[in-house]
Amino acid sequence: MSAEDLERYETEIELQLYKEYRDVLPMFAYVVETERRFYLTNGVKMDVKNEAGRVYFELNLQDAWVWDMYRPARFVANVRVVTFKDVNVEELAGKDI
């Protein structure tokens, strides 16, 4: 497989992932971004921890979807994330009834 073939393959996978993201977005209440991953989730609990003077974040997500083109299954029942980097949690706007 040439570098051009690999680039074309990765571009196609990324496009499929974006289309899946667009389709599943209405199913979720929160967006969570870490330095390594992007999640859609319906439940998020974040605890700020301090151990030996180092602050870190522990996140527990329930009913989540993970943006990761290398995962065969992106829907996950429970996710635990521990990170020393920034975390962004946003509540998505609800739909008007």
PDB file of N, CA and C in Angstrom:
ATOM      1  N   MET A   1       0.854  -1.178   0.000  1.00  0.00           N
ATOM      2  CA  MET A   1       0.000   0.000   0.000  1.00  0.00           C
ATOM      3  C   MET A   1       0.897   1.238   0.000  1.00  0.00           C
ATOM      4  N   SER A   2       0.661   2.108  -0.935  1.00  0.00           N
ATOM      5  CA  SER A   2       1.471   3.317  -1.045  1.00  0.00           C
ATOM      6  C   SER A   2       1.025   4.353  -0.011  1.00  0.00           C
ATOM      7  N   ALA A   3       1.832   5.365   0.169  1.00  0.00           N
ATOM      8  CA  ALA A   3       1.489   6.447   1.098  1.00  0.00           C
ATOM      9  C   ALA A   3       0.215   7.148   0.643  1.00  0.00           C
ATOM     10  N   GLU A   4       0.046   7.273  -0.649  1.00  0.00           N
ATOM     11  CA  GLU A   4      -1.161   7.906  -1.191  1.00  0.00           C
ATOM     12  C   GLU A   4      -2.403   7.053  -0.909  1.00  0.00           C
ATOM     13  N   ASP A   5      -2.274   5.736  -1.052  1.00  0.00           N
ATOM     14  CA  ASP A   5      -3.387   4.826  -0.744  1.00  0.00           C
ATOM     15  C   ASP A   5      -3.758   4.906   0.733  1.00  0.00           C
ATOM     16  N   LEU A   6      -2.756   4.943   1.579  1.00  0.00           N
ATOM     17  CA  LEU A   6      -2.993   5.039   3.020  1.00  0.00           C
ATOM     18  C   LEU A   6      -3.685   6.353   3.368  1.00  0.00           C
ATOM     19  N   GLU A   7      -3.240   7.430   2.769  1.00  0.00           N
ATOM     20  CA  GLU A   7      -3.859   8.741   2.997  1.00  0.00           C
ATOM     21  C   GLU A   7      -5.317   8.732   2.550  1.00  0.00           C
ATOM     22  N   ARG A   8      -5.598   8.158   1.408  1.00  0.00           N
ATOM     23  CA  ARG A   8      -6.962   8.064   0.897  1.00  0.00           C
ATOM     24  C   ARG A   8      -7.836   7.218   1.832  1.00  0.00           C
ATOM     25  N   TYR A   9      -7.296   6.098   2.308  1.00  0.00           N
ATOM     26  CA  TYR A   9      -8.021   5.221   3.233  1.00  0.00           C
ATOM     27  C   TYR A   9      -8.357   5.959   4.533  1.00  0.00           C
ATOM     28  N   GLU A  10      -7.373   6.638   5.119  1.00  0.00           N
ATOM     29  CA  GLU A  10      -7.597   7.364   6.372  1.00  0.00           C
ATOM     30  C   GLU A  10      -8.590   8.509   6.184  1.00  0.00           C
ATOM     31  N   THR A  11      -8.542   9.171   5.049  1.00  0.00           N
ATOM     32  CA  THR A  11      -9.496  10.241   4.760  1.00  0.00           C
ATOM     33  C   THR A  11     -10.915   9.690   4.686  1.00  0.00           C
ATOM     34  N   GLU A  12     -11.084   8.549   4.046  1.00  0.00           N
ATOM     35  CA  GLU A  12     -12.407   7.922   3.939  1.00  0.00           C
ATOM     36  C   GLU A  12     -12.923   7.488   5.316  1.00  0.00           C
ATOM     37  N   ILE A  13     -12.064   6.903   6.129  1.00  0.00           N
ATOM     38  CA  ILE A  13     -12.460   6.480   7.483  1.00  0.00           C
ATOM     39  C   ILE A  13     -12.857   7.700   8.315  1.00  0.00           C
ATOM     40  N   GLU A  14     -12.096   8.773   8.213  1.00  0.00           N
ATOM     41  CA  GLU A  14     -12.406  10.002   8.956  1.00  0.00           C
ATOM     42  C   GLU A  14     -13.756  10.579   8.521  1.00  0.00           C
ATOM     43  N   LEU A  15     -14.046  10.546   7.243  1.00  0.00           N
ATOM     44  CA  LEU A  15     -15.334  11.022   6.741  1.00  0.00           C
ATOM     45  C   LEU A  15     -16.480  10.156   7.268  1.00  0.00           C
ATOM     46  N   GLN A  16     -16.306   8.842   7.269  1.00  0.00           N
ATOM     47  CA  GLN A  16     -17.324   7.941   7.818  1.00  0.00           C
ATOM     48  C   GLN A  16     -17.548   8.219   9.306  1.00  0.00           C
ATOM     49  N   LEU A  17     -16.461   8.470  10.033  1.00  0.00           N
ATOM     50  CA  LEU A  17     -16.560   8.762  11.460  1.00  0.00           C
ATOM     51  C   LEU A  17     -17.317  10.069  11.688  1.00  0.00           C
ATOM     52  N   TYR A  18     -17.043  11.081  10.880  1.00  0.00           N
ATOM     53  CA  TYR A  18     -17.763  12.346  11.004  1.00  0.00           C
ATOM     54  C   TYR A  18     -19.258  12.155  10.749  1.00  0.00           C
ATOM     55  N   LYS A  19     -19.596  11.373   9.732  1.00  0.00           N
ATOM     56  CA  LYS A  19     -21.010  11.116   9.435  1.00  0.00           C
ATOM     57  C   LYS A  19     -21.682  10.378  10.591  1.00  0.00           C
ATOM     58  N   GLU A  20     -20.977   9.422  11.191  1.00  0.00           N
ATOM     59  CA  GLU A  20     -21.522   8.709  12.351  1.00  0.00           C
ATOM     60  C   GLU A  20     -21.721   9.674  13.516  1.00  0.00           C
ATOM     61  N   TYR A  21     -20.732  10.539  13.762  1.00  0.00           N
ATOM     62  CA  TYR A  21     -20.830  11.543  14.824  1.00  0.00           C
ATOM     63  C   TYR A  21     -22.068  12.413  14.622  1.00  0.00           C
ATOM     64  N   ARG A  22     -22.253  12.892  13.414  1.00  0.00           N
ATOM     65  CA  ARG A  22     -23.396  13.749  13.101  1.00  0.00           C
ATOM     66  C   ARG A  22     -24.721  13.021  13.352  1.00  0.00           C
ATOM     67  N   ASP A  23     -24.767  11.739  13.046  1.00  0.00           N
ATOM     68  CA  ASP A  23     -25.984  10.946  13.244  1.00  0.00           C
ATOM     69  C   ASP A  23     -26.285  10.673  14.718  1.00  0.00           C
ATOM     70  N   VAL A  24     -25.251  10.441  15.533  1.00  0.00           N
ATOM     71  CA  VAL A  24     -25.480  10.065  16.939  1.00  0.00           C
ATOM     72  C   VAL A  24     -25.532  11.262  17.878  1.00  0.00           C
ATOM     73  N   LEU A  25     -25.075  12.420  17.453  1.00  0.00           N
ATOM     74  CA  LEU A  25     -25.028  13.606  18.317  1.00  0.00           C
ATOM     75  C   LEU A  25     -26.341  13.889  19.046  1.00  0.00           C
ATOM     76  N   PRO A  26     -27.497  13.818  18.395  1.00  0.00           N
ATOM     77  CA  PRO A  26     -28.753  14.121  19.105  1.00  0.00           C
ATOM     78  C   PRO A  26     -29.083  13.149  20.244  1.00  0.00           C
ATOM     79  N   MET A  27     -28.404  12.028  20.315  1.00  0.00           N
ATOM     80  CA  MET A  27     -28.673  11.029  21.348  1.00  0.00           C
ATOM     81  C   MET A  27     -28.012  11.367  22.683  1.00  0.00           C
ATOM     82  N   PHE A  28     -27.152  12.397  22.726  1.00  0.00           N
ATOM     83  CA  PHE A  28     -26.320  12.642  23.898  1.00  0.00           C
ATOM     84  C   PHE A  28     -26.532  14.028  24.497  1.00  0.00           C
ATOM     85  N   ALA A  29     -26.205  14.142  25.779  1.00  0.00           N
ATOM     86  CA  ALA A  29     -26.414  15.376  26.532  1.00  0.00           C
ATOM     87  C   ALA A  29     -25.134  16.188  26.732  1.00  0.00           C
ATOM     88  N   TYR A  30     -23.957  15.545  26.670  1.00  0.00           N
ATOM     89  CA  TYR A  30     -22.696  16.230  26.961  1.00  0.00           C
ATOM     90  C   TYR A  30     -21.632  15.898  25.924  1.00  0.00           C
ATOM     91  N   VAL A  31     -20.730  16.857  25.733  1.00  0.00           N
ATOM     92  CA  VAL A  31     -19.501  16.666  24.975  1.00  0.00           C
ATOM     93  C   VAL A  31     -18.362  16.761  25.980  1.00  0.00           C
ATOM     94  N   VAL A  32     -17.442  15.799  25.940  1.00  0.00           N
ATOM     95  CA  VAL A  32     -16.280  15.804  26.830  1.00  0.00           C
ATOM     96  C   VAL A  32     -15.037  15.687  25.961  1.00  0.00           C
ATOM     97  N   GLU A  33     -14.113  16.636  26.144  1.00  0.00           N
ATOM     98  CA  GLU A  33     -12.854  16.617  25.404  1.00  0.00           C
ATOM     99  C   GLU A  33     -11.698  16.499  26.381  1.00  0.00           C
ATOM    100  N   THR A  34     -10.794  15.565  26.092  1.00  0.00           N
ATOM    101  CA  THR A  34      -9.543  15.454  26.832  1.00  0.00           C
ATOM    102  C   THR A  34      -8.412  15.624  25.823  1.00  0.00           C
ATOM    103  N   GLU A  35      -7.177  15.539  26.279  1.00  0.00           N
ATOM    104  CA  GLU A  35      -6.061  15.701  25.349  1.00  0.00           C
ATOM    105  C   GLU A  35      -5.965  14.535  24.374  1.00  0.00           C
ATOM    106  N   ARG A  36      -6.578  13.398  24.698  1.00  0.00           N
ATOM    107  CA  ARG A  36      -6.447  12.219  23.849  1.00  0.00           C
ATOM    108  C   ARG A  36      -7.717  11.802  23.135  1.00  0.00           C
ATOM    109  N   ARG A  37      -8.878  12.165  23.681  1.00  0.00           N
ATOM    110  CA  ARG A  37     -10.131  11.653  23.127  1.00  0.00           C
ATOM    111  C   ARG A  37     -11.232  12.705  23.150  1.00  0.00           C
ATOM    112  N   PHE A  38     -12.251  12.432  22.361  1.00  0.00           N
ATOM    113  CA  PHE A  38     -13.458  13.243  22.285  1.00  0.00           C
ATOM    114  C   PHE A  38     -14.621  12.289  22.525  1.00  0.00           C
ATOM    115  N   TYR A  39     -15.502  12.638  23.465  1.00  0.00           N
ATOM    116  CA  TYR A  39     -16.618  11.766  23.832  1.00  0.00           C
ATOM    117  C   TYR A  39     -17.938  12.515  23.733  1.00  0.00           C
ATOM    118  N   LEU A  40     -18.978  11.782  23.391  1.00  0.00           N
ATOM    119  CA  LEU A  40     -20.352  12.210  23.594  1.00  0.00           C
ATOM    120  C   LEU A  40     -20.869  11.302  24.698  1.00  0.00           C
ATOM    121  N   THR A  41     -21.632  11.855  25.648  1.00  0.00           N
ATOM    122  CA  THR A  41     -22.074  11.046  26.776  1.00  0.00           C
ATOM    123  C   THR A  41     -23.382  11.571  27.341  1.00  0.00           C
ATOM    124  N   ASN A  42     -24.085  10.712  28.043  1.00  0.00           N
ATOM    125  CA  ASN A  42     -25.317  11.120  28.714  1.00  0.00           C
ATOM    126  C   ASN A  42     -25.127  11.311  30.209  1.00  0.00           C
ATOM    127  N   GLY A  43     -23.980  10.931  30.721  1.00  0.00           N
ATOM    128  CA  GLY A  43     -23.691  11.140  32.133  1.00  0.00           C
ATOM    129  C   GLY A  43     -22.209  11.370  32.328  1.00  0.00           C
ATOM    130  N   VAL A  44     -21.865  12.415  33.072  1.00  0.00           N
ATOM    131  CA  VAL A  44     -20.454  12.702  33.325  1.00  0.00           C
ATOM    132  C   VAL A  44     -20.292  13.168  34.763  1.00  0.00           C
ATOM    133  N   LYS A  45     -19.291  12.598  35.429  1.00  0.00           N
ATOM    134  CA  LYS A  45     -18.925  13.014  36.781  1.00  0.00           C
ATOM    135  C   LYS A  45     -17.427  13.271  36.754  1.00  0.00           C
ATOM    136  N   MET A  46     -17.032  14.474  37.172  1.00  0.00           N
ATOM    137  CA  MET A  46     -15.620  14.827  37.166  1.00  0.00           C
ATOM    138  C   MET A  46     -15.187  15.161  38.582  1.00  0.00           C
ATOM    139  N   ASP A  47     -14.120  14.507  39.026  1.00  0.00           N
ATOM    140  CA  ASP A  47     -13.528  14.783  40.329  1.00  0.00           C
ATOM    141  C   ASP A  47     -12.122  15.330  40.120  1.00  0.00           C
ATOM    142  N   VAL A  48     -11.816  16.417  40.819  1.00  0.00           N
ATOM    143  CA  VAL A  48     -10.465  16.973  40.805  1.00  0.00           C
ATOM    144  C   VAL A  48      -9.739  16.364  41.992  1.00  0.00           C
ATOM    145  N   LYS A  49      -8.607  15.719  41.726  1.00  0.00           N
ATOM    146  CA  LYS A  49      -7.850  15.024  42.766  1.00  0.00           C
ATOM    147  C   LYS A  49      -6.483  15.682  42.913  1.00  0.00           C
ATOM    148  N   ASN A  50      -5.905  15.508  44.088  1.00  0.00           N
ATOM    149  CA  ASN A  50      -4.579  16.050  44.368  1.00  0.00           C
ATOM    150  C   ASN A  50      -3.792  14.983  45.109  1.00  0.00           C
ATOM    151  N   GLU A  51      -2.713  14.549  44.508  1.00  0.00           N
ATOM    152  CA  GLU A  51      -1.880  13.536  45.135  1.00  0.00           C
ATOM    153  C   GLU A  51      -0.424  13.978  45.049  1.00  0.00           C
ATOM    154  N   ALA A  52       0.193  14.124  46.201  1.00  0.00           N
ATOM    155  CA  ALA A  52       1.594  14.550  46.278  1.00  0.00           C
ATOM    156  C   ALA A  52       1.811  15.872  45.547  1.00  0.00           C
ATOM    157  N   GLY A  53       0.837  16.772  45.656  1.00  0.00           N
ATOM    158  CA  GLY A  53       0.965  18.086  45.049  1.00  0.00           C
ATOM    159  C   GLY A  53       0.653  18.146  43.566  1.00  0.00           C
ATOM    160  N   ARG A  54       0.289  17.020  42.975  1.00  0.00           N
ATOM    161  CA  ARG A  54      -0.062  16.997  41.546  1.00  0.00           C
ATOM    162  C   ARG A  54      -1.569  16.889  41.407  1.00  0.00           C
ATOM    163  N   VAL A  55      -2.140  17.828  40.697  1.00  0.00           N
ATOM    164  CA  VAL A  55      -3.583  17.844  40.472  1.00  0.00           C
ATOM    165  C   VAL A  55      -3.892  17.037  39.209  1.00  0.00           C
ATOM    166  N   TYR A  56      -4.919  16.205  39.302  1.00  0.00           N
ATOM    167  CA  TYR A  56      -5.379  15.477  38.127  1.00  0.00           C
ATOM    168  C   TYR A  56      -6.893  15.355  38.159  1.00  0.00           C
ATOM    169  N   PHE A  57      -7.449  14.971  37.030  1.00  0.00           N
ATOM    170  CA  PHE A  57      -8.897  14.854  36.881  1.00  0.00           C
ATOM    171  C   PHE A  57      -9.266  13.393  36.675  1.00  0.00           C
ATOM    172  N   GLU A  58     -10.319  12.981  37.362  1.00  0.00           N
ATOM    173  CA  GLU A  58     -10.871  11.649  37.146  1.00  0.00           C
ATOM    174  C   GLU A  58     -12.298  11.827  36.636  1.00  0.00           C
ATOM    175  N   LEU A  59     -12.554  11.306  35.452  1.00  0.00           N
ATOM    176  CA  LEU A  59     -13.878  11.410  34.840  1.00  0.00           C
ATOM    177  C   LEU A  59     -14.511  10.031  34.759  1.00  0.00           C
ATOM    178  N   ASN A  60     -15.788   9.984  35.056  1.00  0.00           N
ATOM    179  CA  ASN A  60     -16.571   8.770  34.871  1.00  0.00           C
ATOM    180  C   ASN A  60     -17.733   9.126  33.955  1.00  0.00           C
ATOM    181  N   LEU A  61     -17.781   8.462  32.818  1.00  0.00           N
ATOM    182  CA  LEU A  61     -18.805   8.719  31.812  1.00  0.00           C
ATOM    183  C   LEU A  61     -19.710   7.501  31.700  1.00  0.00           C
ATOM    184  N   GLN A  62     -20.995   7.757  31.541  1.00  0.00           N
ATOM    185  CA  GLN A  62     -21.956   6.679  31.342  1.00  0.00           C
ATOM    186  C   GLN A  62     -22.631   6.880  29.986  1.00  0.00           C
ATOM    187  N   ASP A  63     -22.873   5.763  29.318  1.00  0.00           N
ATOM    188  CA  ASP A  63     -23.560   5.785  28.028  1.00  0.00           C
ATOM    189  C   ASP A  63     -22.836   6.739  27.078  1.00  0.00           C
ATOM    190  N   ALA A  64     -21.677   6.313  26.597  1.00  0.00           N
ATOM    191  CA  ALA A  64     -20.801   7.200  25.834  1.00  0.00           C
ATOM    192  C   ALA A  64     -20.552   6.690  24.416  1.00  0.00           C
ATOM    193  N   TRP A  65     -20.142   7.627  23.570  1.00  0.00           N
ATOM    194  CA  TRP A  65     -19.678   7.354  22.217  1.00  0.00           C
ATOM    195  C   TRP A  65     -18.302   7.998  22.104  1.00  0.00           C
ATOM    196  N   VAL A  66     -17.322   7.257  21.573  1.00  0.00           N
ATOM    197  CA  VAL A  66     -15.934   7.714  21.509  1.00  0.00           C
ATOM    198  C   VAL A  66     -15.541   8.011  20.067  1.00  0.00           C
ATOM    199  N   TRP A  67     -14.978   9.212  19.841  1.00  0.00           N
ATOM    200  CA  TRP A  67     -14.448   9.559  18.520  1.00  0.00           C
ATOM    201  C   TRP A  67     -13.072   8.904  18.420  1.00  0.00           C
ATOM    202  N   ASP A  68     -13.000   7.795  17.728  1.00  0.00           N
ATOM    203  CA  ASP A  68     -11.732   7.082  17.555  1.00  0.00           C
ATOM    204  C   ASP A  68     -11.863   6.199  16.322  1.00  0.00           C
ATOM    205  N   MET A  69     -11.178   6.552  15.263  1.00  0.00           N
ATOM    206  CA  MET A  69     -11.337   5.829  14.006  1.00  0.00           C
ATOM    207  C   MET A  69     -10.743   4.431  14.042  1.00  0.00           C
ATOM    208  N   TYR A  70      -9.969   4.115  15.067  1.00  0.00           N
ATOM    209  CA  TYR A  70      -9.347   2.794  15.144  1.00  0.00           C
ATOM    210  C   TYR A  70     -10.122   1.820  16.029  1.00  0.00           C
ATOM    211  N   ARG A  71     -11.197   2.287  16.676  1.00  0.00           N
ATOM    212  CA  ARG A  71     -12.028   1.412  17.518  1.00  0.00           C
ATOM    213  C   ARG A  71     -13.090   0.736  16.665  1.00  0.00           C
ATOM    214  N   PRO A  72     -13.241  -0.569  16.798  1.00  0.00           N
ATOM    215  CA  PRO A  72     -14.311  -1.236  16.050  1.00  0.00           C
ATOM    216  C   PRO A  72     -15.694  -0.923  16.622  1.00  0.00           C
ATOM    217  N   ALA A  73     -15.775  -0.685  17.927  1.00  0.00           N
ATOM    218  CA  ALA A  73     -17.051  -0.355  18.574  1.00  0.00           C
ATOM    219  C   ALA A  73     -16.875   0.953  19.332  1.00  0.00           C
ATOM    220  N   ARG A  74     -17.647   1.969  18.965  1.00  0.00           N
ATOM    221  CA  ARG A  74     -17.479   3.280  19.586  1.00  0.00           C
ATOM    222  C   ARG A  74     -18.470   3.546  20.711  1.00  0.00           C
ATOM    223  N   PHE A  75     -19.534   2.760  20.813  1.00  0.00           N
ATOM    224  CA  PHE A  75     -20.476   2.920  21.923  1.00  0.00           C
ATOM    225  C   PHE A  75     -19.946   2.159  23.132  1.00  0.00           C
ATOM    226  N   VAL A  76     -19.892   2.849  24.291  1.00  0.00           N
ATOM    227  CA  VAL A  76     -19.337   2.265  25.506  1.00  0.00           C
ATOM    228  C   VAL A  76     -20.291   2.553  26.661  1.00  0.00           C
ATOM    229  N   ALA A  77     -20.568   1.543  27.485  1.00  0.00           N
ATOM    230  CA  ALA A  77     -21.495   1.723  28.610  1.00  0.00           C
ATOM    231  C   ALA A  77     -20.888   2.616  29.693  1.00  0.00           C
ATOM    232  N   ASN A  78     -19.627   2.373  30.056  1.00  0.00           N
ATOM    233  CA  ASN A  78     -18.951   3.141  31.107  1.00  0.00           C
ATOM    234  C   ASN A  78     -17.509   3.396  30.706  1.00  0.00           C
ATOM    235  N   VAL A  79     -17.053   4.614  30.967  1.00  0.00           N
ATOM    236  CA  VAL A  79     -15.676   4.995  30.657  1.00  0.00           C
ATOM    237  C   VAL A  79     -15.098   5.693  31.880  1.00  0.00           C
ATOM    238  N   ARG A  80     -13.865   5.336  32.239  1.00  0.00           N
ATOM    239  CA  ARG A  80     -13.140   6.041  33.301  1.00  0.00           C
ATOM    240  C   ARG A  80     -11.889   6.633  32.664  1.00  0.00           C
ATOM    241  N   VAL A  81     -11.717   7.939  32.837  1.00  0.00           N
ATOM    242  CA  VAL A  81     -10.576   8.652  32.271  1.00  0.00           C
ATOM    243  C   VAL A  81      -9.834   9.324  33.411  1.00  0.00           C
ATOM    244  N   VAL A  82      -8.519   9.160  33.446  1.00  0.00           N
ATOM    245  CA  VAL A  82      -7.670   9.857  34.405  1.00  0.00           C
ATOM    246  C   VAL A  82      -6.660  10.656  33.586  1.00  0.00           C
ATOM    247  N   THR A  83      -6.589  11.976  33.846  1.00  0.00           N
ATOM    248  CA  THR A  83      -5.702  12.823  33.056  1.00  0.00           C
ATOM    249  C   THR A  83      -5.135  13.956  33.903  1.00  0.00           C
ATOM    250  N   PHE A  84      -3.921  14.345  33.574  1.00  0.00           N
ATOM    251  CA  PHE A  84      -3.276  15.500  34.197  1.00  0.00           C
ATOM    252  C   PHE A  84      -3.440  16.744  33.324  1.00  0.00           C
ATOM    253  N   LYS A  85      -4.048  16.584  32.165  1.00  0.00           N
ATOM    254  CA  LYS A  85      -4.211  17.681  31.209  1.00  0.00           C
ATOM    255  C   LYS A  85      -5.586  18.319  31.344  1.00  0.00           C
ATOM    256  N   ASP A  86      -5.819  19.353  30.550  1.00  0.00           N
ATOM    257  CA  ASP A  86      -7.103  20.052  30.562  1.00  0.00           C
ATOM    258  C   ASP A  86      -8.244  19.136  30.139  1.00  0.00           C
ATOM    259  N   VAL A  87      -9.407  19.409  30.701  1.00  0.00           N
ATOM    260  CA  VAL A  87     -10.636  18.693  30.362  1.00  0.00           C
ATOM    261  C   VAL A  87     -11.705  19.736  30.065  1.00  0.00           C
ATOM    262  N   ASN A  88     -12.467  19.517  29.014  1.00  0.00           N
ATOM    263  CA  ASN A  88     -13.568  20.402  28.662  1.00  0.00           C
ATOM    264  C   ASN A  88     -14.860  19.589  28.677  1.00  0.00           C
ATOM    265  N   VAL A  89     -15.843  20.044  29.462  1.00  0.00           N
ATOM    266  CA  VAL A  89     -17.155  19.399  29.519  1.00  0.00           C
ATOM    267  C   VAL A  89     -18.189  20.442  29.134  1.00  0.00           C
ATOM    268  N   GLU A  90     -18.993  20.133  28.131  1.00  0.00           N
ATOM    269  CA  GLU A  90     -20.049  21.046  27.688  1.00  0.00           C
ATOM    270  C   GLU A  90     -21.376  20.316  27.672  1.00  0.00           C
ATOM    271  N   GLU A  91     -22.403  20.981  28.184  1.00  0.00           N
ATOM    272  CA  GLU A  91     -23.749  20.432  28.091  1.00  0.00           C
ATOM    273  C   GLU A  91     -24.339  20.876  26.760  1.00  0.00           C
ATOM    274  N   LEU A  92     -24.841  19.925  26.011  1.00  0.00           N
ATOM    275  CA  LEU A  92     -25.438  20.234  24.716  1.00  0.00           C
ATOM    276  C   LEU A  92     -26.813  20.852  24.911  1.00  0.00           C
ATOM    277  N   ALA A  93     -27.183  21.725  24.015  1.00  0.00           N
ATOM    278  CA  ALA A  93     -28.498  22.366  24.083  1.00  0.00           C
ATOM    279  C   ALA A  93     -29.578  21.328  23.817  1.00  0.00           C
ATOM    280  N   GLY A  94     -30.610  21.340  24.655  1.00  0.00           N
ATOM    281  CA  GLY A  94     -31.726  20.420  24.465  1.00  0.00           C
ATOM    282  C   GLY A  94     -32.613  20.886  23.336  1.00  0.00           C
ATOM    283  N   LYS A  95     -33.381  19.965  22.805  1.00  0.00           N
ATOM    284  CA  LYS A  95     -34.303  20.315  21.723  1.00  0.00           C
ATOM    285  C   LYS A  95     -35.589  20.868  22.309  1.00  0.00           C
ATOM    286  N   ASP A  96     -36.151  21.869  21.658  1.00  0.00           N
ATOM    287  CA  ASP A  96     -37.445  22.422  22.066  1.00  0.00           C
ATOM    288  C   ASP A  96     -38.554  21.464  21.653  1.00  0.00           C
ATOM    289  N   ILE A  97     -39.503  21.278  22.549  1.00  0.00           N
ATOM    290  CA  ILE A  97     -40.627  20.376  22.249  1.00  0.00           C
ATOM    291  C   ILE A  97     -41.843  21.197  21.904  1.00  0.00           C
TER     292      ILE A  97
END
